Protein backbone atom coordinates (compact mmCIF):
# COMPACT_ATOMS: atom_id res chain seq x y z
CA UNK A 1 72.37 112.98 51.38
CA UNK A 2 69.44 113.56 50.94
CA UNK A 3 69.57 112.63 47.05
CA UNK A 4 71.27 109.73 47.57
CA UNK A 5 68.46 108.61 49.94
CA UNK A 6 65.85 109.17 47.72
CA UNK A 7 67.23 106.72 45.10
CA UNK A 8 66.82 103.89 47.00
CA UNK A 9 63.30 105.08 48.01
CA UNK A 10 62.15 105.23 44.65
CA UNK A 11 63.05 102.04 43.88
CA UNK A 12 61.25 101.10 47.59
CA UNK A 13 58.55 102.34 45.95
CA UNK A 14 58.50 101.13 41.76
CA UNK A 15 58.34 97.45 43.55
CA UNK A 16 55.87 98.15 46.23
CA UNK A 17 53.58 99.10 43.22
CA UNK A 18 54.16 96.17 41.03
CA UNK A 19 53.91 93.33 43.84
CA UNK A 20 49.97 95.06 44.48
CA UNK A 21 49.39 94.73 40.69
CA UNK A 22 50.49 91.10 40.09
CA UNK A 23 48.18 90.67 44.42
CA UNK A 24 45.03 93.28 42.36
CA UNK A 25 44.86 90.65 39.26
CA UNK A 26 45.59 87.20 40.91
CA UNK A 27 42.86 87.74 43.38
CA UNK A 28 40.56 89.21 40.53
CA UNK A 29 39.28 86.03 38.86
CA UNK A 30 39.05 84.07 42.45
CA UNK A 31 36.88 86.80 43.28
CA UNK A 32 34.74 86.75 39.79
CA UNK A 33 34.61 82.68 40.56
CA UNK A 34 32.83 83.38 44.47
CA UNK A 35 30.63 85.75 42.66
CA UNK A 36 29.55 83.57 39.99
CA UNK A 37 29.39 80.31 42.32
CA UNK A 38 27.24 82.87 44.80
CA UNK A 39 24.89 84.64 42.17
CA UNK A 40 23.47 80.89 40.92
CA UNK A 41 22.29 80.65 44.60
CA UNK A 42 20.71 83.79 45.55
CA UNK A 43 19.19 83.34 42.39
CA UNK A 44 17.74 79.84 43.74
CA UNK A 45 16.30 80.90 46.56
CA UNK A 46 14.81 83.49 44.74
CA UNK A 47 13.19 81.41 43.05
CA UNK A 48 11.45 79.15 45.67
CA UNK A 49 10.75 81.95 47.84
CA UNK A 50 8.31 83.17 44.39
CA UNK A 51 7.36 79.30 43.68
CA UNK A 52 5.74 78.70 46.99
CA UNK A 53 4.46 82.24 47.46
CA UNK A 54 2.31 80.98 43.46
CA UNK A 55 1.96 77.92 45.84
CA UNK A 56 0.24 79.29 48.62
CA UNK A 57 -2.34 81.39 45.80
CA UNK A 58 -3.49 78.02 44.20
CA UNK A 59 -1.04 78.65 41.10
CA UNK A 60 0.21 75.64 41.18
CA UNK A 61 1.23 75.74 36.55
CA UNK A 62 3.27 78.60 37.75
CA UNK A 63 4.46 77.19 40.77
CA UNK A 64 5.57 73.89 38.97
CA UNK A 65 7.46 75.58 36.78
CA UNK A 66 9.16 78.07 39.87
CA UNK A 67 10.45 74.85 41.07
CA UNK A 68 11.51 73.24 38.15
CA UNK A 69 13.59 76.34 37.47
CA UNK A 70 15.17 76.21 40.82
CA UNK A 71 16.10 73.21 40.70
CA UNK A 72 17.84 73.48 37.87
CA UNK A 73 19.54 76.71 39.50
CA UNK A 74 20.66 74.43 42.13
CA UNK A 75 18.22 73.78 44.66
CA UNK A 76 18.36 70.51 46.25
CA UNK A 77 16.77 70.18 48.79
CA UNK A 78 13.50 68.40 49.90
CA UNK A 79 11.07 71.07 50.03
CA UNK A 80 12.11 71.97 46.50
CA UNK A 81 12.20 67.79 45.47
CA UNK A 82 8.62 66.92 47.23
CA UNK A 83 6.72 70.21 46.40
CA UNK A 84 8.34 69.60 42.38
CA UNK A 85 6.84 65.69 42.72
CA UNK A 86 3.80 66.39 44.32
CA UNK A 87 3.28 69.45 41.54
CA UNK A 88 4.07 66.69 38.31
CA UNK A 89 1.64 64.18 40.32
CA UNK A 90 -1.23 66.57 40.00
CA UNK A 91 -0.36 66.67 36.25
CA UNK A 92 -0.07 63.30 35.30
CA UNK A 93 4.09 63.39 35.22
CA UNK A 94 3.90 59.90 37.25
CA UNK A 95 7.46 59.05 35.76
CA UNK A 96 9.11 62.23 37.22
CA UNK A 97 6.95 62.48 39.96
CA UNK A 98 8.76 59.06 41.33
CA UNK A 99 12.10 60.20 40.75
CA UNK A 100 11.98 63.21 42.61
CA UNK A 101 10.55 61.72 45.34
CA UNK A 102 13.32 58.75 45.23
CA UNK A 103 15.68 61.67 45.32
CA UNK A 104 13.70 63.66 48.72
CA UNK A 105 14.18 60.57 50.52
CA UNK A 106 17.57 59.44 49.70
CA UNK A 107 18.15 62.67 52.12
CA UNK A 108 15.50 62.00 54.88
CA UNK A 109 14.72 58.53 54.54
CA UNK A 110 13.06 58.15 57.27
CA UNK A 111 10.19 60.88 56.49
CA UNK A 112 7.10 58.44 57.11
CA UNK A 113 4.87 61.48 54.70
CA UNK A 114 7.09 61.42 51.60
CA UNK A 115 6.94 57.54 51.83
CA UNK A 116 3.52 57.80 51.98
CA UNK A 117 3.46 60.31 49.07
CA UNK A 118 5.22 57.89 46.76
CA UNK A 119 3.35 55.13 47.68
CA UNK A 120 0.88 57.32 46.57
CA UNK A 121 2.32 57.86 43.17
CA UNK A 122 2.83 54.65 42.66
CA UNK A 123 -0.80 53.36 42.99
CA UNK A 124 -1.22 56.27 40.32
CA UNK A 125 1.07 54.84 38.20
CA UNK A 126 0.14 50.96 38.16
CA UNK A 127 3.79 50.64 40.17
CA UNK A 128 1.08 48.27 42.77
CA UNK A 129 3.61 45.65 43.83
CA UNK A 130 6.14 48.73 45.05
CA UNK A 131 3.26 50.11 46.20
CA UNK A 132 1.76 47.27 48.30
CA UNK A 133 5.29 46.47 49.44
CA UNK A 134 5.41 50.31 50.61
CA UNK A 135 2.02 50.84 51.97
CA UNK A 136 2.61 47.27 54.29
CA UNK A 137 6.36 49.06 56.42
CA UNK A 138 4.21 52.30 56.85
CA UNK A 139 1.14 50.38 58.34
CA UNK A 140 3.75 48.29 60.67
CA UNK A 141 5.25 52.04 61.20
CA UNK A 142 1.74 53.41 61.93
CA UNK A 143 -1.03 50.78 62.02
CA UNK A 144 -3.76 52.93 62.38
CA UNK A 145 -3.25 55.81 60.20
CA UNK A 146 -5.93 56.29 57.76
CA UNK A 147 -4.13 57.53 55.34
CA UNK A 148 -1.96 54.13 54.85
CA UNK A 149 -4.85 51.99 55.44
CA UNK A 150 -6.43 54.16 52.59
CA UNK A 151 -4.13 54.28 50.50
CA UNK A 152 -3.20 50.36 50.57
CA UNK A 153 -7.04 48.85 50.75
CA UNK A 154 -7.21 50.98 47.19
CA UNK A 155 -3.86 49.86 45.89
CA UNK A 156 -5.11 46.11 46.64
CA UNK A 157 -8.51 46.70 44.83
CA UNK A 158 -6.46 48.40 42.05
CA UNK A 159 -4.74 44.46 42.24
CA UNK A 160 -8.12 43.10 42.09
CA UNK A 161 -7.33 41.25 45.80
CA UNK A 162 -11.06 42.16 46.51
CA UNK A 163 -10.78 40.82 50.15
CA UNK A 164 -7.88 41.73 51.06
CA UNK A 165 -8.85 45.06 50.29
CA UNK A 166 -12.56 44.96 51.96
CA UNK A 167 -11.25 43.42 55.18
CA UNK A 168 -9.08 46.65 55.89
CA UNK A 169 -11.78 48.83 55.10
CA UNK A 170 -14.12 46.64 57.41
CA UNK A 171 -11.58 46.70 59.91
CA UNK A 172 -11.75 50.88 59.72
CA UNK A 173 -15.16 50.92 60.08
CA UNK A 174 -15.02 48.24 63.07
CA UNK A 175 -12.29 50.72 64.63
CA UNK A 176 -13.89 54.62 63.47
CA UNK A 177 -10.91 55.05 61.65
CA UNK A 178 -12.55 57.91 58.86
CA UNK A 179 -15.11 55.01 58.71
CA UNK A 180 -16.81 57.61 55.91
CA UNK A 181 -13.88 57.14 53.43
CA UNK A 182 -13.99 53.56 54.73
CA UNK A 183 -17.70 52.61 53.31
CA UNK A 184 -16.57 55.01 50.24
CA UNK A 185 -13.85 52.31 49.42
CA UNK A 186 -16.42 49.69 49.63
CA UNK A 187 -18.69 51.14 47.55
CA UNK A 188 -15.41 51.10 45.18
CA UNK A 189 -14.62 47.47 44.84
CA UNK A 190 -18.01 46.85 44.42
CA UNK A 191 -18.28 48.63 41.40
CA UNK A 192 -15.18 47.75 40.06
CA UNK A 193 -17.18 44.04 40.39
CA UNK A 194 -20.24 45.69 38.41
CA UNK A 195 -22.30 46.00 41.53
CA UNK A 196 -23.20 48.77 40.48
CA UNK A 197 -26.49 49.36 42.29
CA UNK A 198 -25.35 47.84 45.55
CA UNK A 199 -22.06 50.51 45.33
CA UNK A 200 -24.71 53.32 44.72
CA UNK A 201 -26.28 52.05 47.87
CA UNK A 202 -22.84 52.40 49.56
CA UNK A 203 -22.15 55.74 47.93
CA UNK A 204 -25.41 56.78 48.99
CA UNK A 205 -24.72 56.01 52.52
CA UNK A 206 -22.16 58.38 52.62
CA UNK A 207 -23.60 61.68 51.40
CA UNK A 208 -26.82 61.11 53.31
CA UNK A 209 -23.99 61.23 56.69
CA UNK A 210 -21.63 63.37 55.26
CA UNK A 211 -23.49 65.07 51.75
CA UNK A 212 -19.70 67.11 50.40
CA UNK A 213 -17.76 63.64 50.56
CA UNK A 214 -15.64 64.00 47.97
CA UNK A 215 -15.09 60.02 47.64
CA UNK A 216 -18.58 58.98 47.34
CA UNK A 217 -19.89 62.02 45.41
CA UNK A 218 -16.89 61.21 42.98
CA UNK A 219 -17.83 57.17 42.94
CA UNK A 220 -21.48 57.46 42.25
CA UNK A 221 -20.88 59.65 39.62
CA UNK A 222 -18.42 57.11 37.97
CA UNK A 223 -21.19 54.15 38.46
CA UNK A 224 -23.16 56.46 36.56
CA UNK A 225 -20.67 57.11 33.81
CA UNK A 226 -20.05 52.94 33.66
CA UNK A 227 -23.54 52.39 33.38
CA UNK A 228 -24.03 54.63 30.36
CA UNK A 229 -25.62 57.07 32.41
CA UNK A 230 -22.96 60.04 31.06
CA UNK A 231 -26.07 62.94 30.93
CA UNK A 232 -26.34 62.93 34.88
CA UNK A 233 -22.54 61.81 34.51
CA UNK A 234 -21.11 64.49 33.20
CA UNK A 235 -22.73 67.62 34.71
CA UNK A 236 -21.89 65.91 38.74
CA UNK A 237 -17.94 65.58 37.41
CA UNK A 238 -18.02 68.91 35.97
CA UNK A 239 -19.31 70.65 39.26
CA UNK A 240 -16.60 68.47 41.35
CA UNK A 241 -13.98 69.53 39.86
CA UNK A 242 -14.98 72.94 40.32
CA UNK A 243 -15.76 72.31 44.00
CA UNK A 244 -12.19 70.97 43.82
CA UNK A 245 -10.14 71.54 40.84
CA UNK A 246 -6.41 70.16 43.06
CA UNK A 247 -8.18 66.25 43.50
CA UNK A 248 -6.86 64.17 40.79
CA UNK A 249 -9.52 61.17 40.87
CA UNK A 250 -12.35 64.33 39.71
CA UNK A 251 -10.35 65.43 36.35
CA UNK A 252 -9.39 61.92 36.14
CA UNK A 253 -13.01 60.64 35.67
CA UNK A 254 -14.13 64.21 33.98
CA UNK A 255 -10.91 62.96 31.48
CA UNK A 256 -12.84 59.45 31.20
CA UNK A 257 -16.36 60.59 30.10
CA UNK A 258 -14.96 63.39 28.02
CA UNK A 259 -13.16 60.80 25.60
CA UNK A 260 -16.26 58.59 26.01
CA UNK A 261 -18.35 61.45 24.18
CA UNK A 262 -16.08 62.06 21.77
CA UNK A 263 -16.50 60.48 18.01
CA UNK A 264 -14.85 57.49 17.07
CA UNK A 265 -14.46 54.87 14.06
CA UNK A 266 -13.28 51.66 12.73
CA UNK A 267 -12.23 49.65 10.26
CA UNK A 268 -11.69 45.79 10.50
CA UNK A 269 -11.04 43.21 7.51
CA UNK A 270 -11.60 39.75 8.08
CA UNK A 271 -12.04 36.45 5.37
CA UNK A 272 -14.31 33.59 6.36
CA UNK A 273 -13.84 30.59 5.05
CA UNK A 274 -15.36 26.82 5.59
CA UNK A 275 -14.11 23.45 4.23
CA UNK A 276 -16.59 23.04 1.32
CA UNK A 277 -14.83 26.16 -0.69
CA UNK A 278 -16.87 29.08 0.50
CA UNK A 279 -15.03 31.93 0.75
CA UNK A 280 -16.14 35.00 1.89
CA UNK A 281 -13.56 38.94 2.26
CA UNK A 282 -14.97 41.78 4.32
CA UNK A 283 -14.43 45.16 4.97
CA UNK A 284 -15.94 47.82 7.03
CA UNK A 285 -15.64 51.19 7.65
CA UNK A 286 -18.27 53.28 10.57
CA UNK A 287 -18.09 56.19 12.72
CA UNK A 288 -19.91 57.02 16.07
CA UNK A 289 -21.19 60.23 17.07
CA UNK A 290 -22.91 60.82 20.24
CA UNK A 291 -25.94 62.17 19.46
CA UNK A 292 -26.78 63.10 23.35
CA UNK A 293 -24.58 61.95 26.47
CA UNK A 294 -26.79 58.86 26.36
CA UNK A 295 -27.79 58.61 22.75
CA UNK A 296 -24.07 57.38 20.31
CA UNK A 297 -25.67 57.46 16.40
CA UNK A 298 -23.19 54.94 14.04
CA UNK A 299 -23.07 54.65 10.17
CA UNK A 300 -21.33 51.46 8.56
CA UNK A 301 -20.57 50.61 4.92
CA UNK A 302 -19.58 47.10 4.82
CA UNK A 303 -18.26 44.96 1.11
CA UNK A 304 -18.75 41.67 0.66
CA UNK A 305 -16.26 39.24 -2.63
CA UNK A 306 -17.14 35.84 -2.13
CA UNK A 307 -16.49 32.95 -3.90
CA UNK A 308 -17.73 29.17 -4.20
CA UNK A 309 -16.51 26.24 -6.19
CA UNK A 310 -19.64 24.60 -7.92
CA UNK A 311 -20.30 21.13 -7.71
CA UNK A 312 -23.56 20.34 -7.81
CA UNK A 313 -25.61 22.17 -10.78
CA UNK A 314 -28.93 22.76 -7.49
CA UNK A 315 -26.52 25.43 -5.77
CA UNK A 316 -25.53 26.65 -9.26
CA UNK A 317 -28.61 26.79 -11.63
CA UNK A 318 -27.61 30.65 -12.03
CA UNK A 319 -24.42 30.60 -14.14
CA UNK A 320 -25.90 28.63 -16.44
CA UNK A 321 -28.27 26.04 -18.44
CA UNK A 322 -25.48 23.28 -17.59
CA UNK A 323 -22.53 24.63 -15.23
CA UNK A 324 -19.53 23.23 -15.67
CA UNK A 325 -18.55 21.09 -12.78
CA UNK A 326 -16.43 22.75 -10.19
CA UNK A 327 -16.54 26.28 -11.91
CA UNK A 328 -15.75 28.80 -9.26
CA UNK A 329 -18.25 31.61 -8.87
CA UNK A 330 -17.96 34.64 -7.26
CA UNK A 331 -20.00 37.42 -6.69
CA UNK A 332 -20.45 40.80 -4.12
CA UNK A 333 -22.55 42.64 -1.58
CA UNK A 334 -22.91 46.14 -0.02
CA UNK A 335 -24.74 46.96 3.34
CA UNK A 336 -25.19 50.91 4.34
CA UNK A 337 -26.60 50.57 8.02
CA UNK A 338 -27.43 53.28 10.53
CA UNK A 339 -28.08 52.56 13.97
CA UNK A 340 -29.15 54.27 16.80
CA UNK A 341 -28.04 53.55 20.52
CA UNK A 342 -30.04 54.71 23.36
CA UNK A 343 -30.20 54.62 27.60
CA UNK A 344 -33.39 56.26 27.56
CA UNK A 345 -34.11 55.57 31.75
CA UNK A 346 -32.04 53.61 33.59
CA UNK A 347 -33.35 50.35 33.64
CA UNK A 348 -33.25 49.85 29.72
CA UNK A 349 -31.30 50.07 26.33
CA UNK A 350 -32.66 50.77 23.58
CA UNK A 351 -31.14 50.00 20.18
CA UNK A 352 -32.59 50.31 16.54
CA UNK A 353 -30.68 49.58 13.33
CA UNK A 354 -32.15 50.79 9.24
CA UNK A 355 -30.34 49.59 6.51
CA UNK A 356 -29.60 48.70 2.77
CA UNK A 357 -28.11 45.80 1.15
CA UNK A 358 -27.23 45.30 -2.96
CA UNK A 359 -26.43 41.69 -4.02
CA UNK A 360 -25.53 40.52 -7.40
CA UNK A 361 -26.34 37.19 -7.85
CA UNK A 362 -24.23 35.02 -10.64
CA UNK A 363 -25.67 36.43 -13.62
CA UNK A 364 -24.56 39.44 -13.23
CA UNK A 365 -28.11 40.82 -12.26
CA UNK A 366 -28.53 43.23 -9.21
CA UNK A 367 -30.94 43.58 -6.25
CA UNK A 368 -31.29 45.64 -3.10
CA UNK A 369 -33.06 44.73 0.06
CA UNK A 370 -34.39 46.64 2.86
CA UNK A 371 -33.23 45.49 6.38
CA UNK A 372 -34.49 46.61 9.96
CA UNK A 373 -33.32 45.85 13.24
CA UNK A 374 -33.71 46.57 16.91
CA UNK A 375 -33.45 45.43 20.53
CA UNK A 376 -34.67 46.46 23.89
CA UNK A 377 -33.36 45.62 27.71
CA UNK A 378 -35.17 46.34 30.71
CA UNK A 379 -32.89 45.80 33.32
CA UNK A 380 -35.65 44.67 36.41
CA UNK A 381 -33.46 45.12 39.45
CA UNK A 382 -29.58 44.02 40.57
CA UNK A 383 -29.44 40.78 39.49
CA UNK A 384 -32.28 40.13 36.43
CA UNK A 385 -32.81 42.47 33.07
CA UNK A 386 -35.15 40.95 30.45
CA UNK A 387 -34.02 41.28 26.75
CA UNK A 388 -36.25 41.07 23.48
CA UNK A 389 -34.61 41.81 19.58
CA UNK A 390 -35.49 40.88 16.29
CA UNK A 391 -34.96 42.12 12.47
CA UNK A 392 -34.83 40.90 9.20
CA UNK A 393 -31.10 40.40 8.37
CA UNK A 394 -29.39 39.24 5.44
CA UNK A 395 -27.67 36.25 5.10
CA UNK A 396 -24.04 36.85 4.06
CA UNK A 397 -22.20 34.19 5.08
CA UNK A 398 -21.20 32.61 1.05
CA UNK A 399 -22.08 33.33 -2.50
CA UNK A 400 -25.04 31.11 -2.90
CA UNK A 401 -27.04 33.44 -0.38
CA UNK A 402 -25.91 36.75 -1.59
CA UNK A 403 -26.87 35.23 -5.19
CA UNK A 404 -30.64 33.85 -4.13
CA UNK A 405 -30.55 36.86 -2.02
CA UNK A 406 -31.98 34.52 1.09
CA UNK A 407 -32.79 36.83 4.08
CA UNK A 408 -35.06 35.80 8.00
CA UNK A 409 -36.72 37.52 9.25
CA UNK A 410 -36.03 37.03 13.49
CA UNK A 411 -38.28 37.89 16.13
CA UNK A 412 -36.45 36.58 19.46
CA UNK A 413 -36.43 36.89 23.43
CA UNK A 414 -33.73 36.53 26.60
CA UNK A 415 -33.82 36.46 29.98
CA UNK A 416 -30.34 36.40 32.81
CA UNK A 417 -30.49 36.21 36.32
CA UNK A 418 -27.64 36.04 38.42
CA UNK A 419 -28.33 34.37 41.19
CA UNK A 420 -25.15 34.52 42.99
CA UNK A 421 -21.99 36.95 42.49
CA UNK A 422 -19.99 34.98 40.34
CA UNK A 423 -22.71 32.87 38.91
CA UNK A 424 -25.47 33.85 35.76
CA UNK A 425 -28.90 31.68 34.56
CA UNK A 426 -29.80 33.32 31.17
CA UNK A 427 -32.54 31.85 28.95
CA UNK A 428 -33.61 32.55 24.84
CA UNK A 429 -36.32 31.27 22.81
CA UNK A 430 -36.89 33.30 19.48
CA UNK A 431 -38.58 32.44 15.81
CA UNK A 432 -37.80 33.10 12.42
CA UNK A 433 -39.42 33.23 8.76
CA UNK A 434 -36.91 32.19 6.06
CA UNK A 435 -37.50 34.54 2.31
CA UNK A 436 -37.66 30.82 0.30
CA UNK A 437 -40.62 30.73 2.95
CA UNK A 438 -38.50 28.24 5.58
CA UNK A 439 -39.40 28.83 9.52
CA UNK A 440 -37.15 28.25 11.61
CA UNK A 441 -38.06 27.60 16.15
CA UNK A 442 -35.03 28.22 18.72
CA UNK A 443 -34.44 27.62 22.25
CA UNK A 444 -31.73 27.65 24.82
CA UNK A 445 -30.27 27.96 27.65
CA UNK A 446 -26.90 29.15 29.39
CA UNK A 447 -24.92 28.57 32.92
CA UNK A 448 -21.91 31.28 33.42
CA UNK A 449 -19.28 30.59 36.23
CA UNK A 450 -16.85 34.14 36.73
CA UNK A 451 -13.61 32.90 38.34
CA UNK A 452 -13.00 35.22 41.25
CA UNK A 453 -9.31 35.88 40.29
CA UNK A 454 -7.54 39.56 40.15
CA UNK A 455 -5.98 38.81 36.72
CA UNK A 456 -6.06 37.40 34.68
CA UNK A 457 -9.69 36.92 33.82
CA UNK A 458 -11.38 33.98 33.38
CA UNK A 459 -15.41 33.21 32.62
CA UNK A 460 -16.54 28.83 31.82
CA UNK A 461 -20.23 28.87 30.10
CA UNK A 462 -22.34 26.05 29.46
CA UNK A 463 -24.75 26.55 26.83
CA UNK A 464 -27.30 24.10 25.67
CA UNK A 465 -29.06 25.09 22.15
CA UNK A 466 -32.23 23.68 20.40
CA UNK A 467 -33.33 24.39 16.71
CA UNK A 468 -35.39 23.16 14.34
CA UNK A 469 -36.84 24.22 10.42
CA UNK A 470 -39.86 23.45 8.70
CA UNK A 471 -38.65 22.07 5.74
CA UNK A 472 -34.89 20.81 5.01
CA UNK A 473 -35.03 22.91 1.51
CA UNK A 474 -31.07 22.44 0.55
CA UNK A 475 -31.30 26.55 -0.69
CA UNK A 476 -27.69 26.94 0.41
CA UNK A 477 -28.15 27.14 4.55
CA UNK A 478 -28.13 24.73 7.30
CA UNK A 479 -31.62 24.24 8.05
CA UNK A 480 -31.88 20.10 10.08
CA UNK A 481 -35.39 19.74 10.89
CA UNK A 482 -33.70 18.83 14.17
CA UNK A 483 -30.53 19.97 16.08
CA UNK A 484 -29.32 20.26 19.26
CA UNK A 485 -26.18 21.06 21.02
CA UNK A 486 -24.56 20.90 24.47
CA UNK A 487 -21.29 22.79 24.27
CA UNK A 488 -18.51 24.16 27.35
CA UNK A 489 -16.62 27.83 26.58
CA UNK A 490 -13.85 28.93 28.74
CA UNK A 491 -12.54 32.34 27.73
CA UNK A 492 -9.68 34.05 29.21
CA UNK A 493 -8.67 37.23 29.00
CA UNK A 494 -6.77 40.65 30.05
CA UNK A 495 -4.80 43.46 29.80
CA UNK A 496 -1.53 44.98 30.32
CA UNK A 497 -1.08 48.60 31.70
CA UNK A 498 -3.88 49.68 31.09
CA UNK A 499 -5.49 48.42 28.06
CA UNK A 500 -1.27 48.96 26.36
CA UNK A 501 -1.61 45.57 25.57
CA UNK A 502 -5.10 43.20 25.61
CA UNK A 503 -5.73 39.53 24.64
CA UNK A 504 -8.21 36.96 24.88
CA UNK A 505 -8.65 33.53 23.87
CA UNK A 506 -11.52 31.08 23.97
CA UNK A 507 -11.69 27.27 23.63
CA UNK A 508 -15.64 24.59 23.20
CA UNK A 509 -15.89 21.75 23.33
CA UNK A 510 -19.35 19.43 23.25
CA UNK A 511 -21.31 18.06 21.18
CA UNK A 512 -24.13 18.08 18.54
CA UNK A 513 -26.51 16.09 16.85
CA UNK A 514 -29.03 16.81 14.42
CA UNK A 515 -31.29 15.53 11.19
CA UNK A 516 -31.40 16.85 8.00
CA UNK A 517 -34.14 14.89 6.56
CA UNK A 518 -34.41 11.75 4.12
CA UNK A 519 -33.17 13.97 1.21
CA UNK A 520 -29.64 13.86 0.15
CA UNK A 521 -28.20 16.35 2.48
CA UNK A 522 -24.98 18.77 0.69
CA UNK A 523 -24.36 20.41 5.12
CA UNK A 524 -22.30 19.39 7.07
CA UNK A 525 -22.32 15.61 8.17
CA UNK A 526 -23.54 14.67 11.97
CA UNK A 527 -20.30 14.69 13.49
CA UNK A 528 -20.91 14.54 17.26
CA UNK A 529 -18.15 16.18 18.60
CA UNK A 530 -17.65 19.91 18.40
CA UNK A 531 -13.72 21.33 18.84
CA UNK A 532 -14.01 25.58 18.03
CA UNK A 533 -11.62 28.02 19.47
CA UNK A 534 -10.18 31.71 19.29
CA UNK A 535 -7.99 34.17 19.82
CA UNK A 536 -6.88 37.93 19.41
CA UNK A 537 -4.41 40.31 20.71
CA UNK A 538 -4.40 43.89 20.36
CA UNK A 539 -2.34 47.03 20.68
CA UNK A 540 -3.10 50.47 22.45
CA UNK A 541 -1.27 53.64 20.50
CA UNK A 542 -0.52 57.19 21.22
CA UNK A 543 0.28 58.29 25.18
CA UNK A 544 -3.76 58.48 25.23
CA UNK A 545 -4.54 54.64 23.60
CA UNK A 546 -7.01 56.63 21.22
CA UNK A 547 -6.01 54.35 18.09
CA UNK A 548 -6.30 50.21 18.61
CA UNK A 549 -5.25 47.36 16.07
CA UNK A 550 -6.48 43.49 16.79
CA UNK A 551 -6.34 40.84 14.92
CA UNK A 552 -7.78 37.64 15.89
CA UNK A 553 -7.99 34.01 14.43
CA UNK A 554 -11.28 31.75 14.93
CA UNK A 555 -11.53 27.96 14.16
CA UNK A 556 -14.83 25.96 14.86
CA UNK A 557 -16.88 22.87 13.30
CA UNK A 558 -19.92 24.00 15.69
CA UNK A 559 -22.61 23.90 13.20
CA UNK A 560 -24.65 26.91 13.87
CA UNK A 561 -21.10 29.13 13.42
CA UNK A 562 -21.49 29.40 10.23
CA UNK A 563 -24.60 30.13 7.97
CA UNK A 564 -23.76 27.09 5.61
CA UNK A 565 -22.95 24.72 9.11
CA UNK A 566 -19.84 23.60 7.25
CA UNK A 567 -16.39 23.35 9.95
CA UNK A 568 -15.12 27.33 9.17
CA UNK A 569 -12.12 29.44 9.82
CA UNK A 570 -12.38 33.32 10.40
CA UNK A 571 -9.32 35.89 10.90
CA UNK A 572 -8.67 39.46 10.32
CA UNK A 573 -7.95 42.63 12.07
CA UNK A 574 -9.63 45.69 13.94
CA UNK A 575 -8.53 49.48 14.01
CA UNK A 576 -10.28 51.84 16.02
CA UNK A 577 -9.73 55.34 16.65
CA UNK A 578 -11.00 58.03 19.13
CA UNK A 579 -11.37 61.64 17.93
């Protein structure tokens, strides 16, 4: 009996073992999957905790790296996305910051602070229209939130809607809503409009009441930088960044000042031509170094290749005793200069230049002339400035002038008075003697109006000029016994995407009248009507726009636009690079 019972029991035990084994192997992949799903979640949580700890101890670079790793590991919460977006905005990665803020806002659409942060980054990214719209929506929810009002006013200011921005700041001052920051904001608006002295007064008002106010400290430093006073501005911004390493505006201004003090170079090539067969191809290579924050040294080398079709023996008698009619002649010149520009004190600008020019004549001989020049500008007050300039200048506009080595000693003085924020009145007078014993007297007056609009920038300038020469020598340059002109010039220019693209267009109309004396004149006729045009277009290259390339073209029948007085055209390109 016992033997018969043991056989079924053994079979049952065997079947049970097979079923258990099957269940084990079936459950094993499920447990492995569960473990693999739980591991990243655990890793992401650990990374977030490590990132929070790094952020708390101000290790922002490490915190950003850990938040990014946590996001890649699957962490998608509002906390991770918003904290990562904040750190990306501090590092200047504005596009990535905007994406992460948008993703966080999708999870909590009514989060006021997240929307405020997004508007702030959009302003930095120069998406000003969207930023202003977002700020306006937040203002409706919280009309007196200082963060919203300050952000909106700044975005409007960057959009060059100065009146609207100032109205917000004034309202904040009246209601005592962050009045120090509002007053500093008004100073910033004045600085953007070029009223540096009044802007400085406002910043100092804030600092007297609140010496540590960072907005006023940065604003005052920025004004000094824009005025070329980088000797003090560099020290001040370094101290501000040391005190507030997290402030983006301070770090950006520190970079701007550093960029301004870098060596830079330029190469330009151009062609002049007029309707009397004169043509000059010119090329210049220049490099500039900062000897100290407010003094720069520029060294430039220029080469000129000029040609002229002789139609009169009086201008080409060096070629041969009897020049061939309409003979094409050419010559060259090379010009080396060194110029020093310095802001001696706050109200004084100083420039001095020395150089040498080598000119080839039609008969194959060469001469070398020394040149010098300089200017001094004194800013008497916020509205008035006085300038003087002069020196020895070679005339290199045509082959004939190069051949004969014509040069002039000039002495001029000017005054400029801005009697309204958009209106400037100026005047000048000068005297010059020529190497052929001729002399000229010059006087001029102008009034300029700047249209107070956001974009593009528009100016209109009306100018009257008078010039007279002692003699009409017909020596290759325009030397009327009497000349007067009245011209209106309208200029429009702008830039796109913070200088990524920039352009300028100018148009001039007016009249001119002159008397060349009784002798036969080879200069332009007495054309009462003046029409001129100039246009340029440029692009900034690279992430920091260290390199720019600009092309230009101009045409003018304004007699004083070229030494010969003829209708002329000028075209070319300029390449600039900051090291």
